[in-house]
Amino acid sequence: MTVLVTGGTGLVGSRLLKRFIAADIDCRGLVRPGKELLEGVTPFEGDVLNSESLRAAAKGVSAIVHLAALFRTGSDDEIWRTNLEGTRNLIAAVKERAPDARFLMASTSNVYGPNSSHPGREDDKVSPDHPYPASKVEAENELRASGLNWSVLRLPFVYGDNDGHLESLPGMVAGQHWHPAQKLSVLHHEDVATAFELALSGALDGRIVNIADEAPLTIYEIAKIVGSTYESSADPLTNPWKGHMDGTLARNLGFQPRVRTIYQAASEGKL
């Protein structure tokens, strides 16, 4: 099996490639000029907005793991170009050069609105306003209509491997005035790999699937775990399901996280 990974130099992609290499998966990586991939990954210079580079990288692959995306930037147009047009370009390249490949795309829990009456479920109607999740929803739709063998993995807040992401969370959400009792679905990098390896087996074919660990924790608890502080409050909690995904479908399809909770990650030195 040969897998093409986009976004392989990013926070998630670099750690996923490390685990793919350890699992003896033959990996190609799409990489921009001046960037370097991990040793053991075959580099293909280009990006998702360069169709010719995508055709070269996709030729003959068994699967694609599409992680490349823009989230935080000052340009909404650039987010849409990268996340939607880039996905369209990659779909076209795969249809031309590897039409039988399995196309796995990472999406986001941010597609679910804050006003839900339950944890976000895959069959919920989603229409986010922010450019990042809105562009990811449109990219999902493009893939679903492509005629390729596809899966969409909606990922929550990803942490671990000393990436500093979890440690930054209390400060990030304090500026957005999150209630300390707000719970957040999360996923360790180790289980990003668990999920994509399951998807490579075909277990998630033709599905959108939420991927998260077994215990969403409150912002207050997360701050305590990472040695930070977060102002406590007994005020009523509005939007109680914001940031919280339902992982029932993933479990029914065979997903079993190895790092089941943030508490486990902390006790095993995996933060």
C-alpha atoms as a PDB file:
ATOM      1  CA  MET A   1       0.000   0.000   0.000  1.00  0.00           C
ATOM      2  CA  THR A   2       1.246   3.456  -0.951  1.00  0.00           C
ATOM      3  CA  VAL A   3      -0.413   6.410   0.789  1.00  0.00           C
ATOM      4  CA  LEU A   4      -0.188  10.036  -0.282  1.00  0.00           C
ATOM      5  CA  VAL A   5      -0.472  12.436   2.652  1.00  0.00           C
ATOM      6  CA  THR A   6      -1.159  16.144   2.200  1.00  0.00           C
ATOM      7  CA  GLY A   7      -0.416  18.531   5.052  1.00  0.00           C
ATOM      8  CA  GLY A   8       2.398  16.294   6.227  1.00  0.00           C
ATOM      9  CA  THR A   9       4.480  19.124   7.708  1.00  0.00           C
ATOM     10  CA  GLY A  10       1.663  20.361   9.936  1.00  0.00           C
ATOM     11  CA  LEU A  11       0.894  19.748  13.594  1.00  0.00           C
ATOM     12  CA  VAL A  12      -1.272  16.704  12.855  1.00  0.00           C
ATOM     13  CA  GLY A  13       0.306  15.498   9.621  1.00  0.00           C
ATOM     14  CA  SER A  14       3.883  15.265  10.870  1.00  0.00           C
ATOM     15  CA  ARG A  15       2.826  13.136  13.831  1.00  0.00           C
ATOM     16  CA  LEU A  16       0.591  10.957  11.691  1.00  0.00           C
ATOM     17  CA  LEU A  17       3.416  10.325   9.224  1.00  0.00           C
ATOM     18  CA  LYS A  18       5.706   9.324  12.095  1.00  0.00           C
ATOM     19  CA  ARG A  19       3.229   6.632  13.089  1.00  0.00           C
ATOM     20  CA  PHE A  20       2.577   5.507   9.517  1.00  0.00           C
ATOM     21  CA  ILE A  21       6.314   5.029   9.017  1.00  0.00           C
ATOM     22  CA  ALA A  22       6.527   3.022  12.243  1.00  0.00           C
ATOM     23  CA  ALA A  23       3.694   0.849  10.911  1.00  0.00           C
ATOM     24  CA  ASP A  24       5.700   0.212   7.702  1.00  0.00           C
ATOM     25  CA  ILE A  25       3.226   2.073   5.510  1.00  0.00           C
ATOM     26  CA  ASP A  26       4.808   3.332   2.290  1.00  0.00           C
ATOM     27  CA  CYS A  27       4.198   7.103   2.421  1.00  0.00           C
ATOM     28  CA  ARG A  28       4.401   9.906  -0.066  1.00  0.00           C
ATOM     29  CA  GLY A  29       4.129  13.495   1.100  1.00  0.00           C
ATOM     30  CA  LEU A  30       3.098  16.588  -0.792  1.00  0.00           C
ATOM     31  CA  VAL A  31       5.478  19.291   0.396  1.00  0.00           C
ATOM     32  CA  ARG A  32       5.976  22.942  -0.457  1.00  0.00           C
ATOM     33  CA  PRO A  33       9.396  24.217  -1.564  1.00  0.00           C
ATOM     34  CA  GLY A  34      11.650  24.854   1.413  1.00  0.00           C
ATOM     35  CA  LYS A  35       9.776  22.452   3.686  1.00  0.00           C
ATOM     36  CA  GLU A  36      11.042  19.034   4.738  1.00  0.00           C
ATOM     37  CA  LEU A  37       9.211  15.824   5.522  1.00  0.00           C
ATOM     38  CA  LEU A  38      10.237  13.098   7.927  1.00  0.00           C
ATOM     39  CA  GLU A  39      12.900  10.658   6.869  1.00  0.00           C
ATOM     40  CA  GLY A  40      11.256   7.677   5.246  1.00  0.00           C
ATOM     41  CA  VAL A  41       8.587   9.709   3.429  1.00  0.00           C
ATOM     42  CA  THR A  42       8.951  10.109  -0.343  1.00  0.00           C
ATOM     43  CA  PRO A  43       8.579  13.858  -1.039  1.00  0.00           C
ATOM     44  CA  PHE A  44       6.629  15.290  -3.955  1.00  0.00           C
ATOM     45  CA  GLU A  45       7.128  19.030  -4.241  1.00  0.00           C
ATOM     46  CA  GLY A  46       3.947  21.015  -4.793  1.00  0.00           C
ATOM     47  CA  ASP A  47       0.731  22.076  -3.117  1.00  0.00           C
ATOM     48  CA  VAL A  48      -3.006  21.586  -3.434  1.00  0.00           C
ATOM     49  CA  LEU A  49      -3.368  24.657  -5.665  1.00  0.00           C
ATOM     50  CA  ASN A  50      -0.881  23.265  -8.204  1.00  0.00           C
ATOM     51  CA  SER A  51      -2.763  20.677 -10.236  1.00  0.00           C
ATOM     52  CA  GLU A  52       0.287  19.351 -12.092  1.00  0.00           C
ATOM     53  CA  SER A  53       2.113  18.606  -8.846  1.00  0.00           C
ATOM     54  CA  LEU A  54      -0.963  16.756  -7.560  1.00  0.00           C
ATOM     55  CA  ARG A  55      -1.143  14.566 -10.646  1.00  0.00           C
ATOM     56  CA  ALA A  56       2.483  13.525 -10.193  1.00  0.00           C
ATOM     57  CA  ALA A  57       2.069  12.816  -6.488  1.00  0.00           C
ATOM     58  CA  ALA A  58      -1.168  10.848  -6.903  1.00  0.00           C
ATOM     59  CA  LYS A  59      -0.046   8.571  -9.714  1.00  0.00           C
ATOM     60  CA  GLY A  60      -0.556   4.944  -8.724  1.00  0.00           C
ATOM     61  CA  VAL A  61      -1.233   5.460  -5.008  1.00  0.00           C
ATOM     62  CA  SER A  62      -3.475   3.116  -3.030  1.00  0.00           C
ATOM     63  CA  ALA A  63      -4.902   5.789  -0.740  1.00  0.00           C
ATOM     64  CA  ILE A  64      -4.892   9.486  -0.008  1.00  0.00           C
ATOM     65  CA  VAL A  65      -4.970  11.065   3.444  1.00  0.00           C
ATOM     66  CA  HIS A  66      -5.963  14.673   2.855  1.00  0.00           C
ATOM     67  CA  LEU A  67      -4.996  16.843   5.837  1.00  0.00           C
ATOM     68  CA  ALA A  68      -3.893  20.060   4.121  1.00  0.00           C
ATOM     69  CA  ALA A  69      -6.097  22.969   5.183  1.00  0.00           C
ATOM     70  CA  LEU A  70      -6.022  26.600   6.261  1.00  0.00           C
ATOM     71  CA  PHE A  71      -7.608  27.541   9.569  1.00  0.00           C
ATOM     72  CA  ARG A  72      -6.163  30.734  11.015  1.00  0.00           C
ATOM     73  CA  THR A  73      -5.361  33.413   8.491  1.00  0.00           C
ATOM     74  CA  GLY A  74      -6.377  36.977   7.772  1.00  0.00           C
ATOM     75  CA  SER A  75      -7.802  36.068   4.372  1.00  0.00           C
ATOM     76  CA  ASP A  76     -11.165  34.349   4.103  1.00  0.00           C
ATOM     77  CA  ASP A  77     -10.607  33.950   0.360  1.00  0.00           C
ATOM     78  CA  GLU A  78      -7.372  32.077   1.000  1.00  0.00           C
ATOM     79  CA  ILE A  79      -9.153  29.711   3.391  1.00  0.00           C
ATOM     80  CA  TRP A  80     -11.767  28.931   0.754  1.00  0.00           C
ATOM     81  CA  ARG A  81      -9.169  28.522  -2.013  1.00  0.00           C
ATOM     82  CA  THR A  82      -7.040  26.110  -0.023  1.00  0.00           C
ATOM     83  CA  ASN A  83      -9.788  24.105   1.621  1.00  0.00           C
ATOM     84  CA  LEU A  84     -12.300  23.897  -1.223  1.00  0.00           C
ATOM     85  CA  GLU A  85     -10.430  24.541  -4.458  1.00  0.00           C
ATOM     86  CA  GLY A  86      -7.461  22.555  -3.178  1.00  0.00           C
ATOM     87  CA  THR A  87      -9.713  19.584  -2.433  1.00  0.00           C
ATOM     88  CA  ARG A  88     -11.311  19.852  -5.862  1.00  0.00           C
ATOM     89  CA  ASN A  89      -7.867  19.836  -7.460  1.00  0.00           C
ATOM     90  CA  LEU A  90      -6.828  16.786  -5.467  1.00  0.00           C
ATOM     91  CA  ILE A  91     -10.030  14.933  -6.336  1.00  0.00           C
ATOM     92  CA  ALA A  92      -9.437  15.628 -10.025  1.00  0.00           C
ATOM     93  CA  ALA A  93      -5.845  14.384  -9.806  1.00  0.00           C
ATOM     94  CA  VAL A  94      -6.882  11.193  -8.023  1.00  0.00           C
ATOM     95  CA  LYS A  95      -9.662  10.497 -10.537  1.00  0.00           C
ATOM     96  CA  GLU A  96      -7.117  10.836 -13.334  1.00  0.00           C
ATOM     97  CA  ARG A  97      -4.089   9.073 -11.824  1.00  0.00           C
ATOM     98  CA  ALA A  98      -5.437   6.710  -9.116  1.00  0.00           C
ATOM     99  CA  PRO A  99      -9.190   6.238  -9.654  1.00  0.00           C
ATOM    100  CA  ASP A 100      -9.353   3.111  -7.500  1.00  0.00           C
ATOM    101  CA  ALA A 101      -7.629   4.711  -4.522  1.00  0.00           C
ATOM    102  CA  ARG A 102      -9.316   5.205  -1.160  1.00  0.00           C
ATOM    103  CA  PHE A 103      -9.645   8.959  -0.468  1.00  0.00           C
ATOM    104  CA  LEU A 104      -9.682   9.844   3.243  1.00  0.00           C
ATOM    105  CA  MET A 105     -10.256  13.446   4.223  1.00  0.00           C
ATOM    106  CA  ALA A 106      -9.886  15.100   7.605  1.00  0.00           C
ATOM    107  CA  SER A 107     -12.679  17.481   8.508  1.00  0.00           C
ATOM    108  CA  THR A 108     -13.570  19.203  11.755  1.00  0.00           C
ATOM    109  CA  SER A 109     -15.931  19.154  14.722  1.00  0.00           C
ATOM    110  CA  ASN A 110     -16.317  22.895  14.116  1.00  0.00           C
ATOM    111  CA  VAL A 111     -18.957  22.122  11.486  1.00  0.00           C
ATOM    112  CA  TYR A 112     -21.433  21.600  14.340  1.00  0.00           C
ATOM    113  CA  GLY A 113     -23.133  24.741  15.583  1.00  0.00           C
ATOM    114  CA  PRO A 114     -23.036  25.897  19.215  1.00  0.00           C
ATOM    115  CA  ASN A 115     -26.824  25.805  19.656  1.00  0.00           C
ATOM    116  CA  SER A 116     -27.383  22.073  19.239  1.00  0.00           C
ATOM    117  CA  SER A 117     -29.667  20.162  21.606  1.00  0.00           C
ATOM    118  CA  HIS A 118     -27.255  17.206  21.649  1.00  0.00           C
ATOM    119  CA  PRO A 119     -23.620  16.315  20.889  1.00  0.00           C
ATOM    120  CA  GLY A 120     -22.895  16.807  17.194  1.00  0.00           C
ATOM    121  CA  ARG A 121     -23.935  13.796  15.109  1.00  0.00           C
ATOM    122  CA  GLU A 122     -22.931  12.889  11.583  1.00  0.00           C
ATOM    123  CA  ASP A 123     -26.508  13.138  10.295  1.00  0.00           C
ATOM    124  CA  ASP A 124     -27.077  16.631  11.725  1.00  0.00           C
ATOM    125  CA  LYS A 125     -27.737  19.367   9.211  1.00  0.00           C
ATOM    126  CA  VAL A 126     -24.684  21.619   9.260  1.00  0.00           C
ATOM    127  CA  SER A 127     -24.343  25.136   7.872  1.00  0.00           C
ATOM    128  CA  PRO A 128     -21.496  26.891   9.695  1.00  0.00           C
ATOM    129  CA  ASP A 129     -20.809  30.566   9.132  1.00  0.00           C
ATOM    130  CA  HIS A 130     -17.072  30.701   9.803  1.00  0.00           C
ATOM    131  CA  PRO A 131     -14.978  30.263   6.625  1.00  0.00           C
ATOM    132  CA  TYR A 132     -12.954  27.337   7.982  1.00  0.00           C
ATOM    133  CA  PRO A 133     -15.785  24.918   8.855  1.00  0.00           C
ATOM    134  CA  ALA A 134     -17.960  26.237   6.022  1.00  0.00           C
ATOM    135  CA  SER A 135     -15.241  25.488   3.474  1.00  0.00           C
ATOM    136  CA  LYS A 136     -14.683  22.050   5.010  1.00  0.00           C
ATOM    137  CA  VAL A 137     -18.390  21.207   4.653  1.00  0.00           C
ATOM    138  CA  GLU A 138     -18.268  22.184   0.988  1.00  0.00           C
ATOM    139  CA  ALA A 139     -15.108  20.119   0.518  1.00  0.00           C
ATOM    140  CA  GLU A 140     -16.854  17.137   2.149  1.00  0.00           C
ATOM    141  CA  ASN A 141     -19.706  17.542  -0.321  1.00  0.00           C
ATOM    142  CA  GLU A 142     -17.305  17.641  -3.264  1.00  0.00           C
ATOM    143  CA  LEU A 143     -15.702  14.401  -2.136  1.00  0.00           C
ATOM    144  CA  ARG A 144     -19.016  12.660  -1.507  1.00  0.00           C
ATOM    145  CA  ALA A 145     -20.143  13.526  -5.046  1.00  0.00           C
ATOM    146  CA  SER A 146     -16.825  12.580  -6.669  1.00  0.00           C
ATOM    147  CA  GLY A 147     -17.527   8.926  -7.438  1.00  0.00           C
ATOM    148  CA  LEU A 148     -14.331   7.952  -5.601  1.00  0.00           C
ATOM    149  CA  ASN A 149     -14.111   5.557  -2.669  1.00  0.00           C
ATOM    150  CA  TRP A 150     -14.187   8.079   0.174  1.00  0.00           C
ATOM    151  CA  SER A 151     -14.335   8.582   3.932  1.00  0.00           C
ATOM    152  CA  VAL A 152     -14.543  11.819   5.923  1.00  0.00           C
ATOM    153  CA  LEU A 153     -13.127  11.839   9.457  1.00  0.00           C
ATOM    154  CA  ARG A 154     -14.348  14.780  11.501  1.00  0.00           C
ATOM    155  CA  LEU A 155     -11.645  15.451  14.073  1.00  0.00           C
ATOM    156  CA  PRO A 156     -12.031  17.419  17.315  1.00  0.00           C
ATOM    157  CA  PHE A 157      -9.331  19.338  19.204  1.00  0.00           C
ATOM    158  CA  VAL A 158      -6.145  17.293  18.664  1.00  0.00           C
ATOM    159  CA  TYR A 159      -3.395  17.238  21.286  1.00  0.00           C
ATOM    160  CA  GLY A 160      -0.387  15.333  22.613  1.00  0.00           C
ATOM    161  CA  ASP A 161       3.212  14.508  21.690  1.00  0.00           C
ATOM    162  CA  ASN A 162       4.411  17.719  23.383  1.00  0.00           C
ATOM    163  CA  ASP A 163       2.820  19.840  20.657  1.00  0.00           C
ATOM    164  CA  GLY A 164       1.716  22.524  23.153  1.00  0.00           C
ATOM    165  CA  HIS A 165      -1.790  22.591  21.715  1.00  0.00           C
ATOM    166  CA  LEU A 166      -3.628  21.514  24.863  1.00  0.00           C
ATOM    167  CA  GLU A 167      -1.575  23.877  27.012  1.00  0.00           C
ATOM    168  CA  SER A 168      -2.661  26.776  24.819  1.00  0.00           C
ATOM    169  CA  LEU A 169      -6.360  25.932  25.066  1.00  0.00           C
ATOM    170  CA  PRO A 170      -7.311  27.767  28.300  1.00  0.00           C
ATOM    171  CA  GLY A 171      -5.888  31.024  26.975  1.00  0.00           C
ATOM    172  CA  MET A 172      -7.535  30.541  23.585  1.00  0.00           C
ATOM    173  CA  VAL A 173     -11.051  29.996  24.923  1.00  0.00           C
ATOM    174  CA  ALA A 174     -10.778  32.570  27.713  1.00  0.00           C
ATOM    175  CA  GLY A 175     -10.727  35.243  25.044  1.00  0.00           C
ATOM    176  CA  GLN A 176     -13.938  33.749  23.640  1.00  0.00           C
ATOM    177  CA  HIS A 177     -15.546  33.706  27.114  1.00  0.00           C
ATOM    178  CA  TRP A 178     -16.127  29.967  27.263  1.00  0.00           C
ATOM    179  CA  HIS A 179     -17.858  28.809  30.425  1.00  0.00           C
ATOM    180  CA  PRO A 180     -15.503  26.750  32.648  1.00  0.00           C
ATOM    181  CA  ALA A 181     -18.049  23.893  32.664  1.00  0.00           C
ATOM    182  CA  GLN A 182     -18.079  23.709  28.845  1.00  0.00           C
ATOM    183  CA  LYS A 183     -16.982  20.245  27.734  1.00  0.00           C
ATOM    184  CA  LEU A 184     -14.788  19.677  24.710  1.00  0.00           C
ATOM    185  CA  SER A 185     -14.271  16.581  22.611  1.00  0.00           C
ATOM    186  CA  VAL A 186     -10.581  15.859  22.051  1.00  0.00           C
ATOM    187  CA  LEU A 187      -8.313  13.298  20.396  1.00  0.00           C
ATOM    188  CA  HIS A 188      -4.696  12.347  20.991  1.00  0.00           C
ATOM    189  CA  HIS A 189      -2.320  12.233  18.023  1.00  0.00           C
ATOM    190  CA  GLU A 190      -1.885   8.519  18.657  1.00  0.00           C
ATOM    191  CA  ASP A 191      -5.567   8.024  17.913  1.00  0.00           C
ATOM    192  CA  VAL A 192      -5.558  10.200  14.846  1.00  0.00           C
ATOM    193  CA  ALA A 193      -3.350   7.397  13.545  1.00  0.00           C
ATOM    194  CA  THR A 194      -5.655   4.741  15.030  1.00  0.00           C
ATOM    195  CA  ALA A 195      -8.588   6.239  13.154  1.00  0.00           C
ATOM    196  CA  PHE A 196      -6.830   6.664   9.816  1.00  0.00           C
ATOM    197  CA  GLU A 197      -5.390   3.154   9.959  1.00  0.00           C
ATOM    198  CA  LEU A 198      -8.931   1.878  10.522  1.00  0.00           C
ATOM    199  CA  ALA A 199     -10.136   3.967   7.585  1.00  0.00           C
ATOM    200  CA  LEU A 200      -7.348   2.593   5.374  1.00  0.00           C
ATOM    201  CA  SER A 201      -8.754  -0.886   6.047  1.00  0.00           C
ATOM    202  CA  GLY A 202     -12.065   0.131   4.485  1.00  0.00           C
ATOM    203  CA  ALA A 203     -14.086   0.094   7.700  1.00  0.00           C
ATOM    204  CA  LEU A 204     -15.260   3.698   7.216  1.00  0.00           C
ATOM    205  CA  ASP A 205     -15.839   3.626   3.447  1.00  0.00           C
ATOM    206  CA  GLY A 206     -18.596   5.912   2.209  1.00  0.00           C
ATOM    207  CA  ARG A 207     -19.181   7.497   5.603  1.00  0.00           C
ATOM    208  CA  ILE A 208     -18.713  10.712   7.513  1.00  0.00           C
ATOM    209  CA  VAL A 209     -17.488   9.677  10.972  1.00  0.00           C
ATOM    210  CA  ASN A 210     -16.833  11.662  14.156  1.00  0.00           C
ATOM    211  CA  ILE A 211     -13.574  10.629  15.802  1.00  0.00           C
ATOM    212  CA  ALA A 212     -12.982  11.491  19.465  1.00  0.00           C
ATOM    213  CA  ASP A 213     -11.761   9.928  22.687  1.00  0.00           C
ATOM    214  CA  GLU A 214     -14.088   8.542  25.348  1.00  0.00           C
ATOM    215  CA  ALA A 215     -14.325  11.446  27.794  1.00  0.00           C
ATOM    216  CA  PRO A 216     -14.964  15.064  26.821  1.00  0.00           C
ATOM    217  CA  LEU A 217     -13.645  17.193  29.669  1.00  0.00           C
ATOM    218  CA  THR A 218     -14.530  20.657  30.892  1.00  0.00           C
ATOM    219  CA  ILE A 219     -12.294  23.606  30.158  1.00  0.00           C
ATOM    220  CA  TYR A 220     -11.800  23.972  33.905  1.00  0.00           C
ATOM    221  CA  GLU A 221     -10.533  20.365  34.205  1.00  0.00           C
ATOM    222  CA  ILE A 222      -8.281  20.674  31.169  1.00  0.00           C
ATOM    223  CA  ALA A 223      -6.705  23.846  32.562  1.00  0.00           C
ATOM    224  CA  LYS A 224      -5.986  22.050  35.821  1.00  0.00           C
ATOM    225  CA  ILE A 225      -4.400  19.078  34.056  1.00  0.00           C
ATOM    226  CA  VAL A 226      -1.994  21.282  32.094  1.00  0.00           C
ATOM    227  CA  GLY A 227      -1.083  23.359  35.151  1.00  0.00           C
ATOM    228  CA  SER A 228      -3.000  26.441  34.108  1.00  0.00           C
ATOM    229  CA  THR A 229      -5.854  28.314  35.757  1.00  0.00           C
ATOM    230  CA  TYR A 230      -9.308  29.148  34.497  1.00  0.00           C
ATOM    231  CA  GLU A 231     -11.801  31.358  36.282  1.00  0.00           C
ATOM    232  CA  SER A 232     -14.521  29.289  37.940  1.00  0.00           C
ATOM    233  CA  SER A 233     -18.208  30.144  37.757  1.00  0.00           C
ATOM    234  CA  ALA A 234     -21.578  28.945  39.005  1.00  0.00           C
ATOM    235  CA  ASP A 235     -23.471  30.860  36.325  1.00  0.00           C
ATOM    236  CA  PRO A 236     -25.857  28.803  34.170  1.00  0.00           C
ATOM    237  CA  LEU A 237     -24.201  27.086  31.230  1.00  0.00           C
ATOM    238  CA  THR A 238     -25.655  28.024  27.872  1.00  0.00           C
ATOM    239  CA  ASN A 239     -24.903  26.044  24.677  1.00  0.00           C
ATOM    240  CA  PRO A 240     -23.985  22.931  26.696  1.00  0.00           C
ATOM    241  CA  TRP A 241     -23.111  20.851  23.625  1.00  0.00           C
ATOM    242  CA  LYS A 242     -20.788  23.347  21.935  1.00  0.00           C
ATOM    243  CA  GLY A 243     -17.530  21.582  21.037  1.00  0.00           C
ATOM    244  CA  HIS A 244     -18.926  18.148  21.931  1.00  0.00           C
ATOM    245  CA  MET A 245     -19.274  15.387  19.301  1.00  0.00           C
ATOM    246  CA  ASP A 246     -21.144  12.071  19.459  1.00  0.00           C
ATOM    247  CA  GLY A 247     -18.659   9.243  18.815  1.00  0.00           C
ATOM    248  CA  THR A 248     -21.158   6.375  18.756  1.00  0.00           C
ATOM    249  CA  LEU A 249     -20.827   5.634  15.040  1.00  0.00           C
ATOM    250  CA  ALA A 250     -17.032   5.399  15.197  1.00  0.00           C
ATOM    251  CA  ARG A 251     -17.220   2.938  18.081  1.00  0.00           C
ATOM    252  CA  ASN A 252     -19.799   0.856  16.220  1.00  0.00           C
ATOM    253  CA  LEU A 253     -17.452   0.724  13.221  1.00  0.00           C
ATOM    254  CA  GLY A 254     -14.541  -0.528  15.316  1.00  0.00           C
ATOM    255  CA  PHE A 255     -12.722   2.592  16.486  1.00  0.00           C
ATOM    256  CA  GLN A 256     -11.174   2.055  19.907  1.00  0.00           C
ATOM    257  CA  PRO A 257      -8.940   4.872  21.149  1.00  0.00           C
ATOM    258  CA  ARG A 258      -5.680   3.789  22.750  1.00  0.00           C
ATOM    259  CA  VAL A 259      -5.520   7.049  24.723  1.00  0.00           C
ATOM    260  CA  ARG A 260      -9.019   7.054  26.134  1.00  0.00           C
ATOM    261  CA  THR A 261      -8.867  10.279  28.161  1.00  0.00           C
ATOM    262  CA  ILE A 262      -6.670  13.299  28.767  1.00  0.00           C
ATOM    263  CA  TYR A 263      -6.127  11.927  32.288  1.00  0.00           C
ATOM    264  CA  GLN A 264      -4.625   8.783  30.790  1.00  0.00           C
ATOM    265  CA  ALA A 265      -2.395  10.844  28.499  1.00  0.00           C
ATOM    266  CA  ALA A 266      -1.161  12.845  31.487  1.00  0.00           C
ATOM    267  CA  SER A 267      -0.475   9.731  33.600  1.00  0.00           C
ATOM    268  CA  GLU A 268       1.461   8.104  30.754  1.00  0.00           C
ATOM    269  CA  GLY A 269       3.517  11.213  29.923  1.00  0.00           C
ATOM    270  CA  LYS A 270       1.857  11.682  26.527  1.00  0.00           C
ATOM    271  CA  LEU A 271       0.742  15.282  26.815  1.00  0.00           C
END
